[in-house]
Structures are given as structure tokens and as C-alpha cells.
Amino acid sequence: DLSWFWHTWLYTTATLDQAISSVE
């Protein structure tokens, strides 16, 4: 099920910013 993928990248202008917050 890739509906979340198509919806995000084709139907919206949402952008991606994934970050490493901490390593403990």
C-alpha cells in the first residue's frame, strides 16, 4: 500500500526533513 507515498508527493507540497536528534 503506497497510497501515503502518492498522496504526499503528488497531492501535497509536503517536504522531507529527517534528523538525528540524539545518540545516547
mmCIF file of all heavy atoms, coordinates in Angstrom:
data_MODEL
# 
_entry.id   MODEL 
# 
loop_
_atom_site.group_PDB 
_atom_site.id 
_atom_site.type_symbol 
_atom_site.label_atom_id 
_atom_site.label_alt_id 
_atom_site.label_comp_id 
_atom_site.label_asym_id 
_atom_site.label_entity_id 
_atom_site.label_seq_id 
_atom_site.pdbx_PDB_ins_code 
_atom_site.Cartn_x 
_atom_site.Cartn_y 
_atom_site.Cartn_z 
_atom_site.occupancy 
_atom_site.B_iso_or_equiv 
_atom_site.pdbx_formal_charge 
_atom_site.auth_seq_id 
_atom_site.auth_comp_id 
_atom_site.auth_asym_id 
_atom_site.auth_atom_id 
_atom_site.pdbx_PDB_model_num 
ATOM 1   N N   . ASP A 1 1  ? 0.855  -1.178 0.000  1.00 0.00 ? 1  ASP A N   1 
ATOM 2   C CA  . ASP A 1 1  ? 0.000  0.000  0.000  1.00 0.00 ? 1  ASP A CA  1 
ATOM 3   C C   . ASP A 1 1  ? 0.895  1.233  0.000  1.00 0.00 ? 1  ASP A C   1 
ATOM 4   O O   . ASP A 1 1  ? 1.560  1.536  0.996  1.00 0.00 ? 1  ASP A O   1 
ATOM 5   C CB  . ASP A 1 1  ? -0.893 -0.008 1.240  1.00 0.00 ? 1  ASP A CB  1 
ATOM 6   C CG  . ASP A 1 1  ? -1.816 1.206  1.298  1.00 0.00 ? 1  ASP A CG  1 
ATOM 7   O OD1 . ASP A 1 1  ? -1.760 2.046  0.369  1.00 0.00 ? 1  ASP A OD1 1 
ATOM 8   O OD2 . ASP A 1 1  ? -2.580 1.321  2.273  1.00 0.00 ? 1  ASP A OD2 1 
ATOM 9   N N   . LEU A 1 2  ? 0.917  1.933  -1.116 1.00 0.00 ? 2  LEU A N   1 
ATOM 10  C CA  . LEU A 1 2  ? 1.759  3.113  -1.261 1.00 0.00 ? 2  LEU A CA  1 
ATOM 11  C C   . LEU A 1 2  ? 0.932  4.393  -1.355 1.00 0.00 ? 2  LEU A C   1 
ATOM 12  O O   . LEU A 1 2  ? 1.431  5.427  -1.813 1.00 0.00 ? 2  LEU A O   1 
ATOM 13  C CB  . LEU A 1 2  ? 2.637  2.969  -2.511 1.00 0.00 ? 2  LEU A CB  1 
ATOM 14  C CG  . LEU A 1 2  ? 3.638  1.813  -2.477 1.00 0.00 ? 2  LEU A CG  1 
ATOM 15  C CD1 . LEU A 1 2  ? 4.182  1.534  -3.873 1.00 0.00 ? 2  LEU A CD1 1 
ATOM 16  C CD2 . LEU A 1 2  ? 4.779  2.126  -1.518 1.00 0.00 ? 2  LEU A CD2 1 
ATOM 17  N N   . SER A 1 3  ? -0.310 4.326  -0.916 1.00 0.00 ? 3  SER A N   1 
ATOM 18  C CA  . SER A 1 3  ? -1.182 5.498  -1.049 1.00 0.00 ? 3  SER A CA  1 
ATOM 19  C C   . SER A 1 3  ? -0.600 6.695  -0.304 1.00 0.00 ? 3  SER A C   1 
ATOM 20  O O   . SER A 1 3  ? -0.691 7.834  -0.778 1.00 0.00 ? 3  SER A O   1 
ATOM 21  C CB  . SER A 1 3  ? -2.585 5.179  -0.537 1.00 0.00 ? 3  SER A CB  1 
ATOM 22  O OG  . SER A 1 3  ? -2.547 4.720  0.802  1.00 0.00 ? 3  SER A OG  1 
ATOM 23  N N   . TRP A 1 4  ? 0.017  6.452  0.869  1.00 0.00 ? 4  TRP A N   1 
ATOM 24  C CA  . TRP A 1 4  ? 0.642  7.546  1.612  1.00 0.00 ? 4  TRP A CA  1 
ATOM 25  C C   . TRP A 1 4  ? 1.733  8.217  0.785  1.00 0.00 ? 4  TRP A C   1 
ATOM 26  O O   . TRP A 1 4  ? 1.913  9.437  0.870  1.00 0.00 ? 4  TRP A O   1 
ATOM 27  C CB  . TRP A 1 4  ? 1.233  7.019  2.926  1.00 0.00 ? 4  TRP A CB  1 
ATOM 28  C CG  . TRP A 1 4  ? 2.285  5.958  2.708  1.00 0.00 ? 4  TRP A CG  1 
ATOM 29  C CD1 . TRP A 1 4  ? 2.097  4.613  2.624  1.00 0.00 ? 4  TRP A CD1 1 
ATOM 30  C CD2 . TRP A 1 4  ? 3.685  6.179  2.487  1.00 0.00 ? 4  TRP A CD2 1 
ATOM 31  N NE1 . TRP A 1 4  ? 3.288  3.962  2.370  1.00 0.00 ? 4  TRP A NE1 1 
ATOM 32  C CE2 . TRP A 1 4  ? 4.278  4.906  2.292  1.00 0.00 ? 4  TRP A CE2 1 
ATOM 33  C CE3 . TRP A 1 4  ? 4.493  7.318  2.449  1.00 0.00 ? 4  TRP A CE3 1 
ATOM 34  C CZ2 . TRP A 1 4  ? 5.648  4.759  2.045  1.00 0.00 ? 4  TRP A CZ2 1 
ATOM 35  C CZ3 . TRP A 1 4  ? 5.855  7.165  2.208  1.00 0.00 ? 4  TRP A CZ3 1 
ATOM 36  C CH2 . TRP A 1 4  ? 6.420  5.885  2.016  1.00 0.00 ? 4  TRP A CH2 1 
ATOM 37  N N   . PHE A 1 5  ? 2.470  7.433  0.000  1.00 0.00 ? 5  PHE A N   1 
ATOM 38  C CA  . PHE A 1 5  ? 3.560  7.981  -0.813 1.00 0.00 ? 5  PHE A CA  1 
ATOM 39  C C   . PHE A 1 5  ? 3.003  8.863  -1.927 1.00 0.00 ? 5  PHE A C   1 
ATOM 40  O O   . PHE A 1 5  ? 3.427  10.008 -2.105 1.00 0.00 ? 5  PHE A O   1 
ATOM 41  C CB  . PHE A 1 5  ? 4.393  6.836  -1.393 1.00 0.00 ? 5  PHE A CB  1 
ATOM 42  C CG  . PHE A 1 5  ? 5.526  7.298  -2.264 1.00 0.00 ? 5  PHE A CG  1 
ATOM 43  C CD1 . PHE A 1 5  ? 6.765  7.577  -1.719 1.00 0.00 ? 5  PHE A CD1 1 
ATOM 44  C CD2 . PHE A 1 5  ? 5.352  7.473  -3.633 1.00 0.00 ? 5  PHE A CD2 1 
ATOM 45  C CE1 . PHE A 1 5  ? 7.810  8.031  -2.516 1.00 0.00 ? 5  PHE A CE1 1 
ATOM 46  C CE2 . PHE A 1 5  ? 6.392  7.922  -4.437 1.00 0.00 ? 5  PHE A CE2 1 
ATOM 47  C CZ  . PHE A 1 5  ? 7.622  8.202  -3.872 1.00 0.00 ? 5  PHE A CZ  1 
ATOM 48  N N   . TRP A 1 6  ? 2.056  8.320  -2.702 1.00 0.00 ? 6  TRP A N   1 
ATOM 49  C CA  . TRP A 1 6  ? 1.495  9.102  -3.808 1.00 0.00 ? 6  TRP A CA  1 
ATOM 50  C C   . TRP A 1 6  ? 0.819  10.367 -3.284 1.00 0.00 ? 6  TRP A C   1 
ATOM 51  O O   . TRP A 1 6  ? 0.953  11.449 -3.879 1.00 0.00 ? 6  TRP A O   1 
ATOM 52  C CB  . TRP A 1 6  ? 0.496  8.264  -4.589 1.00 0.00 ? 6  TRP A CB  1 
ATOM 53  C CG  . TRP A 1 6  ? 1.044  7.000  -5.167 1.00 0.00 ? 6  TRP A CG  1 
ATOM 54  C CD1 . TRP A 1 6  ? 0.686  5.724  -4.847 1.00 0.00 ? 6  TRP A CD1 1 
ATOM 55  C CD2 . TRP A 1 6  ? 2.062  6.879  -6.181 1.00 0.00 ? 6  TRP A CD2 1 
ATOM 56  N NE1 . TRP A 1 6  ? 1.404  4.807  -5.589 1.00 0.00 ? 6  TRP A NE1 1 
ATOM 57  C CE2 . TRP A 1 6  ? 2.253  5.489  -6.414 1.00 0.00 ? 6  TRP A CE2 1 
ATOM 58  C CE3 . TRP A 1 6  ? 2.817  7.790  -6.908 1.00 0.00 ? 6  TRP A CE3 1 
ATOM 59  C CZ2 . TRP A 1 6  ? 3.170  5.005  -7.349 1.00 0.00 ? 6  TRP A CZ2 1 
ATOM 60  C CZ3 . TRP A 1 6  ? 3.728  7.316  -7.839 1.00 0.00 ? 6  TRP A CZ3 1 
ATOM 61  C CH2 . TRP A 1 6  ? 3.898  5.944  -8.053 1.00 0.00 ? 6  TRP A CH2 1 
ATOM 62  N N   . HIS A 1 7  ? 0.076  10.219 -2.187 1.00 0.00 ? 7  HIS A N   1 
ATOM 63  C CA  . HIS A 1 7  ? -0.628 11.373 -1.629 1.00 0.00 ? 7  HIS A CA  1 
ATOM 64  C C   . HIS A 1 7  ? 0.364  12.466 -1.219 1.00 0.00 ? 7  HIS A C   1 
ATOM 65  O O   . HIS A 1 7  ? 0.164  13.650 -1.508 1.00 0.00 ? 7  HIS A O   1 
ATOM 66  C CB  . HIS A 1 7  ? -1.466 10.938 -0.423 1.00 0.00 ? 7  HIS A CB  1 
ATOM 67  C CG  . HIS A 1 7  ? -2.256 12.060 0.191  1.00 0.00 ? 7  HIS A CG  1 
ATOM 68  N ND1 . HIS A 1 7  ? -1.739 12.875 1.181  1.00 0.00 ? 7  HIS A ND1 1 
ATOM 69  C CD2 . HIS A 1 7  ? -3.504 12.518 -0.047 1.00 0.00 ? 7  HIS A CD2 1 
ATOM 70  C CE1 . HIS A 1 7  ? -2.644 13.777 1.527  1.00 0.00 ? 7  HIS A CE1 1 
ATOM 71  N NE2 . HIS A 1 7  ? -3.717 13.583 0.790  1.00 0.00 ? 7  HIS A NE2 1 
ATOM 72  N N   . THR A 1 8  ? 1.446  12.072 -0.563 1.00 0.00 ? 8  THR A N   1 
ATOM 73  C CA  . THR A 1 8  ? 2.417  13.046 -0.071 1.00 0.00 ? 8  THR A CA  1 
ATOM 74  C C   . THR A 1 8  ? 3.091  13.798 -1.201 1.00 0.00 ? 8  THR A C   1 
ATOM 75  O O   . THR A 1 8  ? 3.164  15.036 -1.189 1.00 0.00 ? 8  THR A O   1 
ATOM 76  C CB  . THR A 1 8  ? 3.487  12.338 0.779  1.00 0.00 ? 8  THR A CB  1 
ATOM 77  O OG1 . THR A 1 8  ? 2.861  11.728 1.912  1.00 0.00 ? 8  THR A OG1 1 
ATOM 78  C CG2 . THR A 1 8  ? 4.559  13.315 1.242  1.00 0.00 ? 8  THR A CG2 1 
ATOM 79  N N   . TRP A 1 9  ? 3.572  13.074 -2.201 1.00 0.00 ? 9  TRP A N   1 
ATOM 80  C CA  . TRP A 1 9  ? 4.454  13.679 -3.184 1.00 0.00 ? 9  TRP A CA  1 
ATOM 81  C C   . TRP A 1 9  ? 3.731  14.231 -4.406 1.00 0.00 ? 9  TRP A C   1 
ATOM 82  O O   . TRP A 1 9  ? 4.301  15.047 -5.143 1.00 0.00 ? 9  TRP A O   1 
ATOM 83  C CB  . TRP A 1 9  ? 5.519  12.673 -3.612 1.00 0.00 ? 9  TRP A CB  1 
ATOM 84  C CG  . TRP A 1 9  ? 6.449  12.372 -2.479 1.00 0.00 ? 9  TRP A CG  1 
ATOM 85  C CD1 . TRP A 1 9  ? 6.494  11.233 -1.732 1.00 0.00 ? 9  TRP A CD1 1 
ATOM 86  C CD2 . TRP A 1 9  ? 7.446  13.244 -1.936 1.00 0.00 ? 9  TRP A CD2 1 
ATOM 87  N NE1 . TRP A 1 9  ? 7.458  11.338 -0.759 1.00 0.00 ? 9  TRP A NE1 1 
ATOM 88  C CE2 . TRP A 1 9  ? 8.065  12.565 -0.864 1.00 0.00 ? 9  TRP A CE2 1 
ATOM 89  C CE3 . TRP A 1 9  ? 7.892  14.533 -2.255 1.00 0.00 ? 9  TRP A CE3 1 
ATOM 90  C CZ2 . TRP A 1 9  ? 9.091  13.136 -0.110 1.00 0.00 ? 9  TRP A CZ2 1 
ATOM 91  C CZ3 . TRP A 1 9  ? 8.916  15.098 -1.500 1.00 0.00 ? 9  TRP A CZ3 1 
ATOM 92  C CH2 . TRP A 1 9  ? 9.506  14.395 -0.447 1.00 0.00 ? 9  TRP A CH2 1 
ATOM 93  N N   . LEU A 1 10 ? 2.480  13.819 -4.636 1.00 0.00 ? 10 LEU A N   1 
ATOM 94  C CA  . LEU A 1 10 ? 1.750  14.304 -5.809 1.00 0.00 ? 10 LEU A CA  1 
ATOM 95  C C   . LEU A 1 10 ? 0.597  15.232 -5.462 1.00 0.00 ? 10 LEU A C   1 
ATOM 96  O O   . LEU A 1 10 ? 0.305  16.163 -6.212 1.00 0.00 ? 10 LEU A O   1 
ATOM 97  C CB  . LEU A 1 10 ? 1.215  13.117 -6.620 1.00 0.00 ? 10 LEU A CB  1 
ATOM 98  C CG  . LEU A 1 10 ? 2.269  12.159 -7.178 1.00 0.00 ? 10 LEU A CG  1 
ATOM 99  C CD1 . LEU A 1 10 ? 1.592  11.029 -7.938 1.00 0.00 ? 10 LEU A CD1 1 
ATOM 100 C CD2 . LEU A 1 10 ? 3.259  12.882 -8.086 1.00 0.00 ? 10 LEU A CD2 1 
ATOM 101 N N   . TYR A 1 11 ? -0.055 14.978 -4.341 1.00 0.00 ? 11 TYR A N   1 
ATOM 102 C CA  . TYR A 1 11 ? -1.251 15.745 -3.995 1.00 0.00 ? 11 TYR A CA  1 
ATOM 103 C C   . TYR A 1 11 ? -0.967 16.886 -3.024 1.00 0.00 ? 11 TYR A C   1 
ATOM 104 O O   . TYR A 1 11 ? -1.842 17.721 -2.781 1.00 0.00 ? 11 TYR A O   1 
ATOM 105 C CB  . TYR A 1 11 ? -2.311 14.829 -3.391 1.00 0.00 ? 11 TYR A CB  1 
ATOM 106 C CG  . TYR A 1 11 ? -2.946 13.875 -4.370 1.00 0.00 ? 11 TYR A CG  1 
ATOM 107 C CD1 . TYR A 1 11 ? -2.341 12.666 -4.697 1.00 0.00 ? 11 TYR A CD1 1 
ATOM 108 C CD2 . TYR A 1 11 ? -4.166 14.172 -4.982 1.00 0.00 ? 11 TYR A CD2 1 
ATOM 109 C CE1 . TYR A 1 11 ? -2.915 11.783 -5.589 1.00 0.00 ? 11 TYR A CE1 1 
ATOM 110 C CE2 . TYR A 1 11 ? -4.756 13.293 -5.875 1.00 0.00 ? 11 TYR A CE2 1 
ATOM 111 C CZ  . TYR A 1 11 ? -4.121 12.101 -6.179 1.00 0.00 ? 11 TYR A CZ  1 
ATOM 112 O OH  . TYR A 1 11 ? -4.710 11.225 -7.076 1.00 0.00 ? 11 TYR A OH  1 
ATOM 113 N N   . THR A 1 12 ? 0.219  16.923 -2.425 1.00 0.00 ? 12 THR A N   1 
ATOM 114 C CA  . THR A 1 12 ? 0.562  17.984 -1.483 1.00 0.00 ? 12 THR A CA  1 
ATOM 115 C C   . THR A 1 12 ? 1.931  18.563 -1.865 1.00 0.00 ? 12 THR A C   1 
ATOM 116 O O   . THR A 1 12 ? 2.602  18.070 -2.766 1.00 0.00 ? 12 THR A O   1 
ATOM 117 C CB  . THR A 1 12 ? 0.636  17.466 -0.037 1.00 0.00 ? 12 THR A CB  1 
ATOM 118 O OG1 . THR A 1 12 ? 1.888  16.777 0.174  1.00 0.00 ? 12 THR A OG1 1 
ATOM 119 C CG2 . THR A 1 12 ? -0.512 16.515 0.280  1.00 0.00 ? 12 THR A CG2 1 
ATOM 120 N N   . THR A 1 13 ? 2.330  19.596 -1.137 1.00 0.00 ? 13 THR A N   1 
ATOM 121 C CA  . THR A 1 13 ? 3.671  20.161 -1.295 1.00 0.00 ? 13 THR A CA  1 
ATOM 122 C C   . THR A 1 13 ? 4.504  19.899 -0.045 1.00 0.00 ? 13 THR A C   1 
ATOM 123 O O   . THR A 1 13 ? 5.453  20.643 0.246  1.00 0.00 ? 13 THR A O   1 
ATOM 124 C CB  . THR A 1 13 ? 3.599  21.672 -1.579 1.00 0.00 ? 13 THR A CB  1 
ATOM 125 O OG1 . THR A 1 13 ? 2.909  22.320 -0.501 1.00 0.00 ? 13 THR A OG1 1 
ATOM 126 C CG2 . THR A 1 13 ? 2.876  21.948 -2.881 1.00 0.00 ? 13 THR A CG2 1 
ATOM 127 N N   . ALA A 1 14 ? 4.162  18.842 0.692  1.00 0.00 ? 14 ALA A N   1 
ATOM 128 C CA  . ALA A 1 14 ? 4.928  18.495 1.886  1.00 0.00 ? 14 ALA A CA  1 
ATOM 129 C C   . ALA A 1 14 ? 6.380  18.220 1.524  1.00 0.00 ? 14 ALA A C   1 
ATOM 130 O O   . ALA A 1 14 ? 6.676  17.654 0.465  1.00 0.00 ? 14 ALA A O   1 
ATOM 131 C CB  . ALA A 1 14 ? 4.309  17.276 2.564  1.00 0.00 ? 14 ALA A CB  1 
ATOM 132 N N   . THR A 1 15 ? 7.288  18.633 2.401  1.00 0.00 ? 15 THR A N   1 
ATOM 133 C CA  . THR A 1 15 ? 8.715  18.410 2.187  1.00 0.00 ? 15 THR A CA  1 
ATOM 134 C C   . THR A 1 15 ? 9.267  17.513 3.289  1.00 0.00 ? 15 THR A C   1 
ATOM 135 O O   . THR A 1 15 ? 8.646  17.316 4.338  1.00 0.00 ? 15 THR A O   1 
ATOM 136 C CB  . THR A 1 15 ? 9.481  19.742 2.150  1.00 0.00 ? 15 THR A CB  1 
ATOM 137 O OG1 . THR A 1 15 ? 9.156  20.504 3.319  1.00 0.00 ? 15 THR A OG1 1 
ATOM 138 C CG2 . THR A 1 15 ? 9.116  20.535 0.913  1.00 0.00 ? 15 THR A CG2 1 
ATOM 139 N N   . LEU A 1 16 ? 10.462 16.992 3.045  1.00 0.00 ? 16 LEU A N   1 
ATOM 140 C CA  . LEU A 1 16 ? 11.077 15.993 3.927  1.00 0.00 ? 16 LEU A CA  1 
ATOM 141 C C   . LEU A 1 16 ? 12.260 16.603 4.671  1.00 0.00 ? 16 LEU A C   1 
ATOM 142 O O   . LEU A 1 16 ? 13.148 17.207 4.054  1.00 0.00 ? 16 LEU A O   1 
ATOM 143 C CB  . LEU A 1 16 ? 11.548 14.802 3.094  1.00 0.00 ? 16 LEU A CB  1 
ATOM 144 C CG  . LEU A 1 16 ? 12.232 13.656 3.844  1.00 0.00 ? 16 LEU A CG  1 
ATOM 145 C CD1 . LEU A 1 16 ? 11.241 12.946 4.759  1.00 0.00 ? 16 LEU A CD1 1 
ATOM 146 C CD2 . LEU A 1 16 ? 12.843 12.666 2.853  1.00 0.00 ? 16 LEU A CD2 1 
ATOM 147 N N   . ASP A 1 17 ? 12.269 16.430 5.985  1.00 0.00 ? 17 ASP A N   1 
ATOM 148 C CA  . ASP A 1 17 ? 13.418 16.832 6.804  1.00 0.00 ? 17 ASP A CA  1 
ATOM 149 C C   . ASP A 1 17 ? 13.527 15.867 7.979  1.00 0.00 ? 17 ASP A C   1 
ATOM 150 O O   . ASP A 1 17 ? 12.889 16.050 9.015  1.00 0.00 ? 17 ASP A O   1 
ATOM 151 C CB  . ASP A 1 17 ? 13.264 18.271 7.292  1.00 0.00 ? 17 ASP A CB  1 
ATOM 152 C CG  . ASP A 1 17 ? 14.505 18.766 8.037  1.00 0.00 ? 17 ASP A CG  1 
ATOM 153 O OD1 . ASP A 1 17 ? 15.513 18.025 8.066  1.00 0.00 ? 17 ASP A OD1 1 
ATOM 154 O OD2 . ASP A 1 17 ? 14.458 19.882 8.598  1.00 0.00 ? 17 ASP A OD2 1 
ATOM 155 N N   . GLN A 1 18 ? 14.308 14.827 7.805  1.00 0.00 ? 18 GLN A N   1 
ATOM 156 C CA  . GLN A 1 18 ? 14.548 13.841 8.858  1.00 0.00 ? 18 GLN A CA  1 
ATOM 157 C C   . GLN A 1 18 ? 15.904 14.127 9.489  1.00 0.00 ? 18 GLN A C   1 
ATOM 158 O O   . GLN A 1 18 ? 16.878 14.393 8.778  1.00 0.00 ? 18 GLN A O   1 
ATOM 159 C CB  . GLN A 1 18 ? 14.516 12.425 8.298  1.00 0.00 ? 18 GLN A CB  1 
ATOM 160 C CG  . GLN A 1 18 ? 13.158 12.036 7.726  1.00 0.00 ? 18 GLN A CG  1 
ATOM 161 C CD  . GLN A 1 18 ? 13.190 10.691 7.020  1.00 0.00 ? 18 GLN A CD  1 
ATOM 162 O OE1 . GLN A 1 18 ? 14.240 10.230 6.599  1.00 0.00 ? 18 GLN A OE1 1 
ATOM 163 N NE2 . GLN A 1 18 ? 12.021 10.062 6.896  1.00 0.00 ? 18 GLN A NE2 1 
ATOM 164 N N   . ALA A 1 19 ? 15.983 14.079 10.813 1.00 0.00 ? 19 ALA A N   1 
ATOM 165 C CA  . ALA A 1 19 ? 17.207 14.465 11.510 1.00 0.00 ? 19 ALA A CA  1 
ATOM 166 C C   . ALA A 1 19 ? 17.511 13.495 12.642 1.00 0.00 ? 19 ALA A C   1 
ATOM 167 O O   . ALA A 1 19 ? 16.600 12.909 13.253 1.00 0.00 ? 19 ALA A O   1 
ATOM 168 C CB  . ALA A 1 19 ? 17.071 15.880 12.065 1.00 0.00 ? 19 ALA A CB  1 
ATOM 169 N N   . ILE A 1 20 ? 18.784 13.345 12.932 1.00 0.00 ? 20 ILE A N   1 
ATOM 170 C CA  . ILE A 1 20 ? 19.214 12.590 14.113 1.00 0.00 ? 20 ILE A CA  1 
ATOM 171 C C   . ILE A 1 20 ? 19.200 13.555 15.291 1.00 0.00 ? 20 ILE A C   1 
ATOM 172 O O   . ILE A 1 20 ? 19.991 14.504 15.345 1.00 0.00 ? 20 ILE A O   1 
ATOM 173 C CB  . ILE A 1 20 ? 20.617 11.997 13.911 1.00 0.00 ? 20 ILE A CB  1 
ATOM 174 C CG1 . ILE A 1 20 ? 20.592 11.007 12.735 1.00 0.00 ? 20 ILE A CG1 1 
ATOM 175 C CG2 . ILE A 1 20 ? 21.104 11.312 15.187 1.00 0.00 ? 20 ILE A CG2 1 
ATOM 176 C CD1 . ILE A 1 20 ? 21.956 10.471 12.364 1.00 0.00 ? 20 ILE A CD1 1 
ATOM 177 N N   . SER A 1 21 ? 18.299 13.314 16.240 1.00 0.00 ? 21 SER A N   1 
ATOM 178 C CA  . SER A 1 21 ? 18.179 14.205 17.398 1.00 0.00 ? 21 SER A CA  1 
ATOM 179 C C   . SER A 1 21 ? 19.236 13.917 18.449 1.00 0.00 ? 21 SER A C   1 
ATOM 180 O O   . SER A 1 21 ? 19.811 14.836 19.037 1.00 0.00 ? 21 SER A O   1 
ATOM 181 C CB  . SER A 1 21 ? 16.784 14.066 18.015 1.00 0.00 ? 21 SER A CB  1 
ATOM 182 O OG  . SER A 1 21 ? 15.808 14.555 17.145 1.00 0.00 ? 21 SER A OG  1 
ATOM 183 N N   . SER A 1 22 ? 19.468 12.624 18.690 1.00 0.00 ? 22 SER A N   1 
ATOM 184 C CA  . SER A 1 22 ? 20.447 12.290 19.723 1.00 0.00 ? 22 SER A CA  1 
ATOM 185 C C   . SER A 1 22 ? 20.907 10.855 19.564 1.00 0.00 ? 22 SER A C   1 
ATOM 186 O O   . SER A 1 22 ? 20.195 10.017 19.001 1.00 0.00 ? 22 SER A O   1 
ATOM 187 C CB  . SER A 1 22 ? 19.859 12.491 21.125 1.00 0.00 ? 22 SER A CB  1 
ATOM 188 O OG  . SER A 1 22 ? 18.759 11.606 21.330 1.00 0.00 ? 22 SER A OG  1 
ATOM 189 N N   . VAL A 1 23 ? 22.118 10.573 20.068 1.00 0.00 ? 23 VAL A N   1 
ATOM 190 C CA  . VAL A 1 23 ? 22.663 9.227  20.173 1.00 0.00 ? 23 VAL A CA  1 
ATOM 191 C C   . VAL A 1 23 ? 23.209 9.111  21.596 1.00 0.00 ? 23 VAL A C   1 
ATOM 192 O O   . VAL A 1 23 ? 24.192 9.779  21.948 1.00 0.00 ? 23 VAL A O   1 
ATOM 193 C CB  . VAL A 1 23 ? 23.766 8.969  19.131 1.00 0.00 ? 23 VAL A CB  1 
ATOM 194 C CG1 . VAL A 1 23 ? 24.349 7.570  19.305 1.00 0.00 ? 23 VAL A CG1 1 
ATOM 195 C CG2 . VAL A 1 23 ? 23.232 9.160  17.720 1.00 0.00 ? 23 VAL A CG2 1 
ATOM 196 N N   . GLU A 1 24 ? 22.568 8.291  22.425 1.00 0.00 ? 24 GLU A N   1 
ATOM 197 C CA  . GLU A 1 24 ? 22.907 8.217  23.848 1.00 0.00 ? 24 GLU A CA  1 
ATOM 198 C C   . GLU A 1 24 ? 23.163 6.772  24.244 1.00 0.00 ? 24 GLU A C   1 
ATOM 199 O O   . GLU A 1 24 ? 22.346 5.890  23.951 1.00 0.00 ? 24 GLU A O   1 
ATOM 200 C CB  . GLU A 1 24 ? 21.769 8.789  24.699 1.00 0.00 ? 24 GLU A CB  1 
ATOM 201 C CG  . GLU A 1 24 ? 21.461 10.257 24.380 1.00 0.00 ? 24 GLU A CG  1 
ATOM 202 C CD  . GLU A 1 24 ? 20.237 10.756 25.132 1.00 0.00 ? 24 GLU A CD  1 
ATOM 203 O OE1 . GLU A 1 24 ? 19.396 9.897  25.506 1.00 0.00 ? 24 GLU A OE1 1 
ATOM 204 O OE2 . GLU A 1 24 ? 20.117 11.968 25.344 1.00 0.00 ? 24 GLU A OE2 1 
# 
